[in-house]
């Protein structure tokens, strides 16, 4: 989030990020990919290794981050990665350190001031203070921070996988890139990828050799919540059913992979992946209104596709807005990312000028904050206290038992007292990713080398047995003690795991968010998440116990 750059880290955290001068690089190399092993290289086959420890390479590079990889010094490419290492640069020089990499946006003014780094820093600091991973040889855990910028992210991934030969990475890629990088780069190299983000359907069912561990489910998981949410809105707007007139519903969707997948389920239902189902669509789980499916509603349903900006699309906003205004919907399902910003204001303006009722907007996982900041918190066309009653959306639901998440938030606040909680409150999946790697390695075979396959085996030993937790020193010590005794269940800030061991993917559900009651919440109040939660068994939404104090009556 760009607003994070406005908040300073505490002096203690800034002290972790001292970087050394860029000296001595002539004597080091970035490992060449696909180099021919024949020729001059063969003449040195009996030569002693250039290095036996990272510390030698770091010293040779003038205190710049570098690793000893298979006896050769490899410099961390600072065109692709930051010179700062988490939890501290000196950790990289320690013997037996396990190095991983994460990917963060570099376009902000200070790359270290974002929710990903805050979450990673806390986890890695906690593990360092606990003494690292115990065993016959104690192992520290360190992290290199590399760029996730779209134009260079592939180079960044290849650098950490092929040059630095790291055993595991924490992804932060688009859904399309995540699938491609896993199948083409990380899996062939035997590198484990912890994916804290949404899992594409195409990735979940790929043969990834148990080398991808997804901490969020698929868009299909979250999309199922739209059917009961629309039914609630319909009962509010049409309490007497069709006697009050047919409900008119518009659907805005983009061709970005996440939104496209959600939209498909919203319109047609999820795929039946049983043997008998053979992939057919379950229309009974798609949206329905006026007693019919979307397709059967004829002129009372209008779909308006938008080319996604992240796919270099250029939406024709005047035509899109005109089409919506002419249609005069009662409900708009806005399955978009930031594209919604250039739609909602002008549509509400046009409808208001025409004296038409303003619609209810059912938003998506990636446009909740954009709409809040750009429109809902303003009094255009309607007082914000009333306007907030018409905006709600669907997001990946948080933990049903949020005990560990609340404990994590308290530790985050203690670590970063000058950073507003709203800036990192949705980063628990990135925090947990670090512990899946550390505890996963500990849960592998005794004395197992730090390889992607060993960590991948280990994380599957963290799904049943006594509960273990992240966090304070006593919790970490207890976790490692229980891990040595057998299988355990890692219950982190994301809550008790519901992971399909076959596919390495969390079984997520949709949670409904709304916007705080304007006269009781600050103007910049963030979306209120999980006020309703989708229940897979019943196909309905269950209410949070304190919903009345957070959202409008009748929600």
Protein backbone atom coordinates (compact mmCIF):
# COMPACT_ATOMS: atom_id res chain seq x y z
CA UNK A 1 0.00 0.00 0.00
CA UNK A 2 1.52 3.37 -0.95
CA UNK A 3 0.23 5.03 2.22
CA UNK A 4 2.63 2.89 4.21
CA UNK A 5 5.49 5.07 3.11
CA UNK A 6 4.09 7.84 5.30
CA UNK A 7 4.61 5.90 8.50
CA UNK A 8 8.06 5.58 10.08
CA UNK A 9 9.45 2.37 11.45
CA UNK A 10 10.66 2.42 15.02
CA UNK A 11 14.35 3.14 15.53
CA UNK A 12 14.91 -0.42 16.66
CA UNK A 13 13.63 -1.80 13.36
CA UNK A 14 15.55 0.70 11.26
CA UNK A 15 18.67 -0.46 13.02
CA UNK A 16 18.23 -3.87 11.43
CA UNK A 17 18.59 -2.49 7.95
CA UNK A 18 22.10 -1.08 7.84
CA UNK A 19 23.77 -1.88 4.57
CA UNK A 20 27.44 -2.12 3.65
CA UNK A 21 29.34 -0.38 0.84
CA UNK A 22 29.44 -1.89 -2.62
CA UNK A 23 33.10 -2.91 -2.68
CA UNK A 24 35.06 -5.76 -4.20
CA UNK A 25 32.44 -6.86 -6.70
CA UNK A 26 35.02 -7.43 -9.43
CA UNK A 27 36.16 -10.60 -7.70
CA UNK A 28 32.65 -12.05 -7.50
CA UNK A 29 30.13 -13.16 -10.06
CA UNK A 30 26.46 -13.61 -10.56
CA UNK A 31 26.16 -17.24 -11.55
CA UNK A 32 25.55 -17.69 -15.27
CA UNK A 33 22.39 -19.61 -16.10
CA UNK A 34 22.77 -22.49 -18.54
CA UNK A 35 26.58 -22.17 -18.71
CA UNK A 36 28.38 -24.82 -20.70
CA UNK A 37 30.14 -27.10 -18.19
CA UNK A 38 32.79 -28.00 -20.77
CA UNK A 39 35.79 -25.93 -21.80
CA UNK A 40 37.87 -23.88 -19.39
CA UNK A 41 35.63 -24.75 -16.47
CA UNK A 42 36.79 -28.36 -16.75
CA UNK A 43 40.43 -27.28 -16.32
CA UNK A 44 39.62 -26.14 -12.77
CA UNK A 45 37.80 -29.33 -11.74
CA UNK A 46 40.48 -30.20 -9.18
CA UNK A 47 40.86 -26.65 -7.89
CA UNK A 48 39.84 -25.99 -4.27
CA UNK A 49 36.44 -24.35 -3.76
CA UNK A 50 36.35 -20.59 -3.80
CA UNK A 51 34.47 -20.60 -0.51
CA UNK A 52 33.10 -22.81 2.22
CA UNK A 53 30.91 -20.28 4.06
CA UNK A 54 28.80 -17.22 3.29
CA UNK A 55 30.99 -15.10 5.59
CA UNK A 56 33.94 -15.48 3.23
CA UNK A 57 31.90 -14.22 0.29
CA UNK A 58 30.37 -11.34 2.25
CA UNK A 59 33.82 -10.19 3.37
CA UNK A 60 35.17 -10.51 -0.15
CA UNK A 61 32.28 -8.35 -1.40
CA UNK A 62 33.00 -5.56 1.06
CA UNK A 63 30.16 -6.52 3.43
CA UNK A 64 27.65 -6.76 0.62
CA UNK A 65 25.16 -9.66 0.77
CA UNK A 66 26.57 -12.73 -0.98
CA UNK A 67 26.24 -16.49 -0.61
CA UNK A 68 28.58 -19.42 -0.95
CA UNK A 69 26.78 -21.62 -3.47
CA UNK A 70 28.32 -25.00 -4.25
CA UNK A 71 31.79 -23.68 -3.46
CA UNK A 72 31.45 -20.44 -5.46
CA UNK A 73 30.68 -16.93 -4.23
CA UNK A 74 27.51 -15.45 -5.70
CA UNK A 75 26.60 -11.82 -5.06
CA UNK A 76 22.99 -10.92 -4.34
CA UNK A 77 22.05 -8.83 -7.38
CA UNK A 78 21.11 -5.41 -6.05
CA UNK A 79 19.33 -4.52 -9.27
CA UNK A 80 16.80 -7.16 -8.22
CA UNK A 81 17.10 -7.43 -4.42
CA UNK A 82 17.62 -5.02 -1.55
CA UNK A 83 20.97 -4.86 0.29
CA UNK A 84 19.09 -5.28 3.58
CA UNK A 85 18.53 -8.78 4.92
CA UNK A 86 15.90 -9.75 7.50
CA UNK A 87 16.08 -9.98 10.46
CA UNK A 88 19.60 -8.48 10.18
CA UNK A 89 22.45 -8.49 7.71
CA UNK A 90 24.86 -10.26 10.06
CA UNK A 91 22.50 -13.27 10.11
CA UNK A 92 23.55 -14.07 6.53
CA UNK A 93 27.14 -14.69 7.63
CA UNK A 94 26.29 -17.29 10.25
CA UNK A 95 27.05 -20.95 9.71
CA UNK A 96 24.10 -23.17 8.77
CA UNK A 97 21.76 -20.27 8.09
CA UNK A 98 18.66 -21.17 6.06
CA UNK A 99 18.11 -18.40 3.52
CA UNK A 100 14.77 -17.77 1.86
CA UNK A 101 13.54 -14.97 -0.39
CA UNK A 102 10.36 -12.93 -0.58
CA UNK A 103 9.12 -10.54 -3.22
CA UNK A 104 7.91 -7.02 -2.47
CA UNK A 105 7.00 -3.90 -4.49
CA UNK A 106 9.95 -1.64 -5.17
CA UNK A 107 8.07 1.32 -6.64
CA UNK A 108 7.33 2.94 -3.25
CA UNK A 109 9.59 5.57 -1.69
CA UNK A 110 10.80 3.24 1.07
CA UNK A 111 10.50 -0.42 0.20
CA UNK A 112 10.97 -1.48 3.82
CA UNK A 113 7.85 0.32 4.96
CA UNK A 114 5.09 -1.95 3.79
CA UNK A 115 2.88 -4.58 5.34
CA UNK A 116 4.82 -7.49 3.88
CA UNK A 117 8.11 -6.40 5.43
CA UNK A 118 6.46 -5.63 8.77
CA UNK A 119 5.03 -9.16 8.90
CA UNK A 120 8.27 -10.83 7.78
CA UNK A 121 10.36 -8.78 10.20
CA UNK A 122 8.29 -9.78 13.22
CA UNK A 123 8.34 -13.49 12.36
CA UNK A 124 12.06 -13.60 11.63
CA UNK A 125 12.92 -11.55 14.72
CA UNK A 126 10.87 -13.89 16.89
CA UNK A 127 12.65 -16.94 15.45
CA UNK A 128 16.05 -15.29 15.91
CA UNK A 129 15.32 -14.41 19.53
CA UNK A 130 14.24 -18.02 20.09
CA UNK A 131 17.61 -19.24 18.83
CA UNK A 132 16.54 -20.40 15.37
CA UNK A 133 15.68 -23.99 14.46
CA UNK A 134 17.08 -26.42 17.04
CA UNK A 135 18.68 -29.73 16.23
CA UNK A 136 22.10 -31.35 16.12
CA UNK A 137 23.15 -28.12 14.44
CA UNK A 138 21.18 -24.97 15.22
CA UNK A 139 19.95 -23.20 12.10
CA UNK A 140 19.08 -19.53 11.82
CA UNK A 141 16.56 -18.25 9.28
CA UNK A 142 17.24 -15.20 7.11
CA UNK A 143 15.37 -13.56 4.22
CA UNK A 144 16.42 -11.68 1.12
CA UNK A 145 13.91 -9.14 -0.20
CA UNK A 146 13.60 -9.03 -3.98
CA UNK A 147 11.42 -7.08 -6.38
CA UNK A 148 7.94 -8.11 -7.44
CA UNK A 149 7.65 -5.41 -10.12
CA UNK A 150 5.98 -7.02 -13.17
CA UNK A 151 8.63 -6.04 -15.70
CA UNK A 152 11.51 -7.66 -13.78
CA UNK A 153 9.90 -10.19 -11.42
CA UNK A 154 10.79 -13.16 -13.61
CA UNK A 155 14.47 -12.17 -13.52
CA UNK A 156 14.14 -11.79 -9.77
CA UNK A 157 12.71 -15.29 -9.35
CA UNK A 158 15.36 -16.86 -11.59
CA UNK A 159 18.09 -15.09 -9.63
CA UNK A 160 17.08 -16.53 -6.26
CA UNK A 161 16.26 -19.97 -7.67
CA UNK A 162 18.99 -20.52 -10.26
CA UNK A 163 21.83 -18.26 -9.08
CA UNK A 164 21.44 -18.27 -5.30
CA UNK A 165 19.87 -21.77 -5.24
CA UNK A 166 17.64 -20.99 -2.25
CA UNK A 167 15.50 -23.89 -0.96
CA UNK A 168 12.24 -21.97 -0.52
CA UNK A 169 10.63 -18.70 -1.51
CA UNK A 170 7.56 -16.76 -0.41
CA UNK A 171 5.61 -15.67 -3.47
CA UNK A 172 3.86 -12.37 -4.09
CA UNK A 173 2.96 -12.66 -7.75
CA UNK A 174 -0.09 -12.30 -9.95
CA UNK A 175 -2.13 -15.48 -10.27
CA UNK A 176 -0.90 -16.04 -13.82
CA UNK A 177 2.75 -15.50 -12.93
CA UNK A 178 2.41 -17.71 -9.86
CA UNK A 179 1.32 -20.67 -11.99
CA UNK A 180 3.95 -20.04 -14.66
CA UNK A 181 6.85 -19.51 -12.26
CA UNK A 182 5.93 -22.65 -10.31
CA UNK A 183 5.66 -24.92 -13.34
CA UNK A 184 8.59 -23.48 -15.31
CA UNK A 185 11.12 -22.32 -12.66
CA UNK A 186 10.67 -23.36 -9.04
CA UNK A 187 9.28 -26.91 -9.30
CA UNK A 188 11.89 -28.08 -11.87
CA UNK A 189 14.56 -26.72 -9.50
CA UNK A 190 13.12 -28.51 -6.47
CA UNK A 191 12.35 -25.21 -4.72
CA UNK A 192 9.35 -24.95 -2.39
CA UNK A 193 7.05 -21.98 -2.93
CA UNK A 194 4.88 -20.74 -0.08
CA UNK A 195 2.07 -18.79 -1.73
CA UNK A 196 0.33 -16.41 0.72
CA UNK A 197 -2.01 -15.14 -1.98
CA UNK A 198 -5.00 -16.40 -3.93
CA UNK A 199 -4.53 -19.77 -5.61
CA UNK A 200 -5.49 -19.97 -9.27
CA UNK A 201 -7.61 -22.96 -10.24
CA UNK A 202 -4.98 -23.72 -12.87
CA UNK A 203 -2.33 -23.98 -10.14
CA UNK A 204 -4.30 -25.99 -7.59
CA UNK A 205 -4.73 -28.91 -9.96
CA UNK A 206 -1.26 -28.76 -11.56
CA UNK A 207 1.21 -31.59 -10.88
CA UNK A 208 3.61 -29.50 -8.77
CA UNK A 209 5.31 -32.41 -6.97
CA UNK A 210 4.17 -31.10 -3.56
CA UNK A 211 6.43 -28.06 -3.99
CA UNK A 212 3.72 -25.38 -3.69
CA UNK A 213 1.97 -24.61 -0.40
CA UNK A 214 -0.97 -22.23 -0.83
CA UNK A 215 -2.24 -20.30 2.20
CA UNK A 216 -5.38 -19.00 0.50
CA UNK A 217 -7.91 -20.93 -1.54
CA UNK A 218 -9.13 -20.42 -5.07
CA UNK A 219 -11.43 -17.71 -6.44
CA UNK A 220 -14.00 -20.47 -6.77
CA UNK A 221 -13.95 -20.87 -2.97
CA UNK A 222 -14.81 -17.24 -2.30
CA UNK A 223 -17.25 -16.82 -5.19
CA UNK A 224 -19.82 -19.15 -3.64
CA UNK A 225 -20.75 -16.46 -1.09
CA UNK A 226 -22.31 -14.20 -3.74
CA UNK A 227 -25.42 -16.34 -4.18
CA UNK A 228 -26.66 -16.05 -0.56
CA UNK A 229 -25.48 -12.43 -0.33
CA UNK A 230 -27.53 -11.43 -3.38
CA UNK A 231 -30.50 -13.33 -1.92
CA UNK A 232 -30.24 -11.23 1.26
CA UNK A 233 -30.14 -8.01 -0.71
CA UNK A 234 -33.08 -9.11 -2.85
CA UNK A 235 -35.20 -9.85 0.23
CA UNK A 236 -34.41 -6.37 1.52
CA UNK A 237 -35.19 -4.58 -1.75
CA UNK A 238 -38.13 -6.81 -2.73
CA UNK A 239 -39.76 -7.85 0.59
CA UNK A 240 -42.89 -8.93 -1.29
CA UNK A 241 -41.03 -10.77 -4.01
CA UNK A 242 -42.08 -10.26 -7.62
CA UNK A 243 -45.12 -8.32 -6.41
CA UNK A 244 -42.66 -5.45 -5.89
CA UNK A 245 -41.42 -5.79 -9.47
CA UNK A 246 -38.46 -7.74 -10.86
CA UNK A 247 -34.97 -7.12 -9.50
CA UNK A 248 -32.51 -5.79 -12.09
CA UNK A 249 -28.93 -6.96 -11.65
CA UNK A 250 -25.82 -5.81 -13.52
CA UNK A 251 -22.49 -7.64 -13.50
CA UNK A 252 -19.20 -5.85 -14.16
CA UNK A 253 -16.25 -8.19 -14.56
CA UNK A 254 -12.74 -8.11 -15.95
CA UNK A 255 -10.55 -10.65 -17.72
CA UNK A 256 -7.94 -10.69 -14.94
CA UNK A 257 -7.54 -14.28 -13.77
CA UNK A 258 -8.94 -13.81 -10.25
CA UNK A 259 -11.94 -11.72 -11.25
CA UNK A 260 -12.67 -13.85 -14.31
CA UNK A 261 -12.74 -17.00 -12.19
CA UNK A 262 -15.05 -15.40 -9.61
CA UNK A 263 -17.38 -14.12 -12.32
CA UNK A 264 -17.62 -17.53 -13.97
CA UNK A 265 -18.73 -19.13 -10.70
CA UNK A 266 -21.12 -16.24 -9.98
CA UNK A 267 -22.84 -16.71 -13.35
CA UNK A 268 -22.53 -20.43 -14.00
CA UNK A 269 -21.63 -22.07 -10.70
CA UNK A 270 -18.49 -24.01 -9.70
CA UNK A 271 -17.20 -27.04 -11.52
CA UNK A 272 -18.23 -30.44 -10.23
CA UNK A 273 -14.83 -32.08 -9.80
CA UNK A 274 -16.13 -35.47 -8.75
CA UNK A 275 -15.59 -38.37 -11.11
CA UNK A 276 -19.29 -38.43 -11.86
CA UNK A 277 -19.43 -34.67 -12.43
CA UNK A 278 -16.70 -34.61 -15.08
CA UNK A 279 -16.22 -30.86 -14.68
CA UNK A 280 -19.80 -29.75 -15.42
CA UNK A 281 -21.00 -26.50 -13.87
CA UNK A 282 -23.29 -26.61 -10.82
CA UNK A 283 -25.80 -23.92 -11.77
CA UNK A 284 -27.67 -24.37 -8.50
CA UNK A 285 -24.73 -22.69 -6.74
CA UNK A 286 -24.62 -19.67 -9.06
CA UNK A 287 -26.51 -16.46 -8.35
CA UNK A 288 -30.28 -16.49 -8.73
CA UNK A 289 -32.86 -13.71 -8.47
CA UNK A 290 -36.48 -13.30 -9.45
CA UNK A 291 -36.61 -17.05 -8.96
CA UNK A 292 -34.35 -17.69 -11.97
CA UNK A 293 -30.71 -18.02 -12.94
CA UNK A 294 -28.88 -14.99 -14.30
CA UNK A 295 -29.17 -16.23 -17.89
CA UNK A 296 -32.87 -16.91 -17.54
CA UNK A 297 -33.56 -13.37 -16.33
CA UNK A 298 -33.30 -11.99 -19.85
CA UNK A 299 -33.55 -8.21 -19.85
CA UNK A 300 -33.35 -8.01 -16.05
CA UNK A 301 -29.71 -9.12 -16.14
CA UNK A 302 -26.88 -7.27 -17.88
CA UNK A 303 -23.25 -8.32 -18.01
CA UNK A 304 -20.66 -5.68 -18.92
CA UNK A 305 -17.11 -7.05 -19.40
CA UNK A 306 -14.15 -4.72 -18.83
CA UNK A 307 -10.59 -5.32 -20.06
CA UNK A 308 -8.38 -5.52 -16.97
CA UNK A 309 -5.88 -2.72 -16.50
CA UNK A 310 -3.30 -5.17 -15.14
CA UNK A 311 -3.58 -7.03 -18.45
CA UNK A 312 -2.79 -3.74 -20.23
CA UNK A 313 -6.46 -3.28 -21.08
CA UNK A 314 -8.06 0.12 -21.69
CA UNK A 315 -11.69 0.08 -20.54
CA UNK A 316 -14.07 2.30 -22.50
CA UNK A 317 -15.35 4.02 -19.38
CA UNK A 318 -17.82 6.42 -21.05
CA UNK A 319 -19.56 3.51 -22.80
CA UNK A 320 -19.53 1.36 -19.66
CA UNK A 321 -21.00 4.13 -17.53
CA UNK A 322 -23.64 5.00 -20.12
CA UNK A 323 -24.70 1.36 -20.36
CA UNK A 324 -25.13 1.08 -16.59
CA UNK A 325 -27.04 4.35 -16.31
CA UNK A 326 -29.39 3.32 -19.11
CA UNK A 327 -29.96 -0.10 -17.50
CA UNK A 328 -30.78 1.41 -14.07
CA UNK A 329 -29.82 -1.62 -11.97
CA UNK A 330 -31.03 -2.31 -8.47
CA UNK A 331 -27.83 -4.24 -7.76
CA UNK A 332 -24.38 -4.09 -9.34
CA UNK A 333 -21.98 -6.97 -8.83
CA UNK A 334 -18.61 -5.29 -9.37
CA UNK A 335 -16.13 -8.15 -9.85
CA UNK A 336 -13.18 -5.90 -10.65
CA UNK A 337 -9.99 -4.56 -9.18
CA UNK A 338 -9.21 -0.82 -9.32
CA UNK A 339 -11.25 -0.36 -12.52
CA UNK A 340 -14.29 0.32 -10.32
CA UNK A 341 -12.92 3.73 -9.34
CA UNK A 342 -13.65 5.16 -12.79
CA UNK A 343 -17.14 3.67 -12.85
CA UNK A 344 -18.91 4.15 -9.54
CA UNK A 345 -18.79 7.96 -9.18
CA UNK A 346 -20.07 8.81 -12.67
CA UNK A 347 -22.75 6.09 -12.60
CA UNK A 348 -24.11 7.32 -9.29
CA UNK A 349 -23.98 10.88 -10.58
CA UNK A 350 -25.89 9.97 -13.76
CA UNK A 351 -28.54 8.01 -11.88
CA UNK A 352 -28.92 10.75 -9.31
CA UNK A 353 -29.35 13.40 -11.99
CA UNK A 354 -31.99 11.22 -13.65
CA UNK A 355 -33.88 10.86 -10.37
CA UNK A 356 -33.35 7.08 -10.44
CA UNK A 357 -32.76 5.02 -7.27
CA UNK A 358 -29.10 4.41 -6.47
CA UNK A 359 -28.11 0.72 -6.63
CA UNK A 360 -26.60 -1.61 -4.06
CA UNK A 361 -23.02 -2.52 -4.97
CA UNK A 362 -21.66 -5.98 -4.22
CA UNK A 363 -17.90 -5.65 -4.42
CA UNK A 364 -15.00 -8.08 -4.80
CA UNK A 365 -11.82 -9.03 -2.92
CA UNK A 366 -9.62 -6.53 -4.74
CA UNK A 367 -11.70 -3.36 -4.82
CA UNK A 368 -12.87 -2.92 -1.21
CA UNK A 369 -10.44 -0.21 -0.22
CA UNK A 370 -10.42 1.57 -3.58
CA UNK A 371 -14.15 2.26 -3.44
CA UNK A 372 -13.99 3.33 0.19
CA UNK A 373 -11.26 5.90 -0.37
CA UNK A 374 -12.49 7.22 -3.71
CA UNK A 375 -16.22 7.46 -3.10
CA UNK A 376 -17.88 6.01 -0.01
CA UNK A 377 -16.21 8.41 2.41
CA UNK A 378 -17.56 11.40 0.53
CA UNK A 379 -21.03 12.92 0.62
CA UNK A 380 -21.52 13.07 -3.17
CA UNK A 381 -25.15 12.46 -4.18
CA UNK A 382 -25.97 10.95 -0.79
CA UNK A 383 -24.82 11.40 2.79
CA UNK A 384 -22.06 8.90 3.55
CA UNK A 385 -24.03 7.50 6.50
CA UNK A 386 -26.72 6.35 4.05
CA UNK A 387 -24.35 5.56 1.21
CA UNK A 388 -22.47 3.00 3.29
CA UNK A 389 -25.64 0.93 3.58
CA UNK A 390 -25.52 0.20 -0.15
CA UNK A 391 -21.93 -1.04 -0.38
CA UNK A 392 -20.71 -4.46 0.70
CA UNK A 393 -18.54 -7.18 -0.78
CA UNK A 394 -16.96 -10.60 -0.54
CA UNK A 395 -13.44 -11.36 0.62
CA UNK A 396 -11.56 -14.43 1.77
CA UNK A 397 -12.84 -15.08 5.29
CA UNK A 398 -10.40 -14.90 8.15
CA UNK A 399 -9.98 -17.57 10.78
CA UNK A 400 -13.15 -18.84 12.39
CA UNK A 401 -11.08 -18.94 15.60
CA UNK A 402 -9.06 -15.73 15.56
CA UNK A 403 -7.30 -16.17 18.92
CA UNK A 404 -3.87 -16.41 17.32
CA UNK A 405 -4.60 -13.55 14.94
CA UNK A 406 -5.46 -11.25 17.83
CA UNK A 407 -2.27 -12.30 19.62
CA UNK A 408 -0.32 -11.60 16.43
CA UNK A 409 -1.86 -8.13 16.12
CA UNK A 410 -0.80 -7.35 19.68
CA UNK A 411 2.78 -8.40 18.92
CA UNK A 412 2.75 -6.36 15.71
CA UNK A 413 1.58 -3.31 17.63
CA UNK A 414 4.35 -3.78 20.17
CA UNK A 415 6.93 -4.16 17.41
CA UNK A 416 5.66 -1.21 15.32
CA UNK A 417 3.96 1.20 17.76
CA UNK A 418 4.06 4.10 15.29
CA UNK A 419 2.36 2.24 12.43
CA UNK A 420 -1.48 2.22 12.34
CA UNK A 421 -2.86 -1.29 12.68
CA UNK A 422 -4.92 -0.87 9.52
CA UNK A 423 -1.67 -0.81 7.52
CA UNK A 424 -0.73 -4.39 8.41
CA UNK A 425 -3.98 -5.97 9.65
CA UNK A 426 -4.35 -8.09 6.49
CA UNK A 427 -0.76 -9.40 6.41
CA UNK A 428 -1.15 -12.45 8.64
CA UNK A 429 -0.75 -14.82 5.69
CA UNK A 430 2.71 -13.38 4.97
CA UNK A 431 3.67 -13.69 8.63
CA UNK A 432 2.54 -17.31 8.77
CA UNK A 433 4.48 -18.12 5.59
CA UNK A 434 7.77 -17.69 7.48
CA UNK A 435 6.70 -20.13 10.18
CA UNK A 436 5.55 -22.72 7.64
CA UNK A 437 9.13 -22.75 6.32
CA UNK A 438 10.84 -22.82 9.73
CA UNK A 439 8.51 -25.32 11.37
CA UNK A 440 8.30 -27.30 8.13
CA UNK A 441 12.06 -27.83 8.06
CA UNK A 442 12.01 -28.82 11.72
CA UNK A 443 9.19 -31.31 10.98
CA UNK A 444 11.10 -33.02 8.17
CA UNK A 445 13.22 -36.09 8.84
CA UNK A 446 15.75 -35.59 11.69
CA UNK A 447 18.86 -33.89 10.37
CA UNK A 448 17.23 -33.23 7.00
CA UNK A 449 19.10 -30.85 4.72
CA UNK A 450 17.43 -27.53 3.97
CA UNK A 451 15.97 -28.40 0.59
CA UNK A 452 12.65 -27.51 -0.94
CA UNK A 453 11.53 -31.12 -1.02
CA UNK A 454 12.39 -31.69 2.63
CA UNK A 455 10.53 -28.56 3.73
CA UNK A 456 7.63 -29.56 1.47
CA UNK A 457 7.49 -32.93 3.22
CA UNK A 458 7.74 -31.25 6.60
CA UNK A 459 4.80 -28.86 6.17
CA UNK A 460 2.57 -31.87 5.60
CA UNK A 461 3.49 -33.05 9.09
CA UNK A 462 1.98 -29.85 10.53
CA UNK A 463 -1.68 -30.65 9.84
CA UNK A 464 -2.64 -33.08 12.61
CA UNK A 465 -1.67 -33.60 16.22
CA UNK A 466 -1.12 -31.22 19.15
CA UNK A 467 -1.44 -27.53 18.30
CA UNK A 468 1.69 -25.43 17.97
CA UNK A 469 1.82 -21.66 17.61
CA UNK A 470 4.10 -18.85 16.46
CA UNK A 471 5.08 -15.86 18.51
CA UNK A 472 6.53 -15.42 21.93
CA UNK A 473 9.62 -17.38 22.91
CA UNK A 474 7.80 -19.92 25.05
CA UNK A 475 5.39 -20.73 22.20
CA UNK A 476 8.24 -21.24 19.75
CA UNK A 477 10.20 -23.40 22.19
CA UNK A 478 7.11 -25.51 22.86
CA UNK A 479 6.46 -25.84 19.11
CA UNK A 480 9.93 -27.21 18.40
CA UNK A 481 9.68 -29.56 21.38
CA UNK A 482 6.38 -31.01 20.13
CA UNK A 483 7.62 -31.22 16.54
CA UNK A 484 10.45 -33.50 17.60
CA UNK A 485 7.89 -35.84 19.21
CA UNK A 486 5.75 -36.35 16.10
CA UNK A 487 3.09 -34.73 13.93
CA UNK A 488 1.59 -31.44 15.08
CA UNK A 489 -0.95 -28.88 13.89
CA UNK A 490 0.40 -25.42 13.13
CA UNK A 491 -2.22 -22.89 14.24
CA UNK A 492 -0.90 -19.50 13.23
CA UNK A 493 -2.39 -16.07 12.69
CA UNK A 494 -4.54 -17.54 9.89
CA UNK A 495 -6.13 -19.86 12.45
CA UNK A 496 -6.47 -23.64 12.41
CA UNK A 497 -5.33 -24.97 9.02
CA UNK A 498 -7.85 -26.35 6.59
CA UNK A 499 -5.46 -27.49 3.89
CA UNK A 500 -6.00 -30.16 1.28
CA UNK A 501 -2.78 -32.16 1.69
CA UNK A 502 -3.04 -33.58 -1.84
CA UNK A 503 -3.00 -30.17 -3.52
CA UNK A 504 -1.27 -28.16 -0.79
CA UNK A 505 -4.08 -25.59 -0.89
CA UNK A 506 -6.15 -23.99 1.84
CA UNK A 507 -9.87 -24.67 1.64
CA UNK A 508 -11.06 -21.09 1.94
CA UNK A 509 -14.58 -19.70 2.29
CA UNK A 510 -15.99 -16.31 1.47
CA UNK A 511 -16.62 -13.71 4.13
CA UNK A 512 -18.78 -10.62 3.62
CA UNK A 513 -17.45 -7.18 4.45
CA UNK A 514 -19.36 -3.95 4.94
CA UNK A 515 -18.41 -0.40 5.83
CA UNK A 516 -18.52 0.99 9.35
CA UNK A 517 -21.52 3.00 10.53
CA UNK A 518 -20.44 6.52 9.66
CA UNK A 519 -21.70 8.26 12.79
CA UNK A 520 -19.86 5.84 15.09
CA UNK A 521 -16.65 5.23 13.14
CA UNK A 522 -13.87 7.56 11.95
CA UNK A 523 -14.15 8.75 8.37
CA UNK A 524 -11.17 6.66 7.25
CA UNK A 525 -12.48 3.52 8.90
CA UNK A 526 -11.45 0.46 6.91
CA UNK A 527 -13.89 -2.15 5.61
CA UNK A 528 -15.32 -4.32 8.40
CA UNK A 529 -14.49 -7.89 7.45
CA UNK A 530 -16.23 -11.20 8.18
CA UNK A 531 -19.54 -9.77 9.37
CA UNK A 532 -21.09 -12.70 7.48
CA UNK A 533 -19.35 -16.00 6.78
CA UNK A 534 -20.21 -18.55 4.12
CA UNK A 535 -21.07 -22.01 5.41
CA UNK A 536 -20.11 -24.75 2.94
CA UNK A 537 -22.54 -27.29 4.31
CA UNK A 538 -25.69 -25.17 4.21
CA UNK A 539 -24.72 -22.77 1.43
CA UNK A 540 -25.87 -19.86 3.60
CA UNK A 541 -24.27 -16.93 5.39
CA UNK A 542 -23.89 -16.92 9.17
CA UNK A 543 -23.71 -13.65 11.09
CA UNK A 544 -20.92 -12.51 13.35
CA UNK A 545 -22.21 -12.10 16.92
CA UNK A 546 -21.41 -8.39 17.08
CA UNK A 547 -22.58 -7.42 13.60
CA UNK A 548 -25.15 -4.91 14.90
CA UNK A 549 -22.43 -2.70 16.30
CA UNK A 550 -20.40 -2.67 13.09
CA UNK A 551 -22.81 -2.48 10.16
CA UNK A 552 -26.23 -1.05 9.51
CA UNK A 553 -29.32 -2.65 10.97
CA UNK A 554 -30.93 -5.12 8.60
CA UNK A 555 -27.69 -6.13 6.91
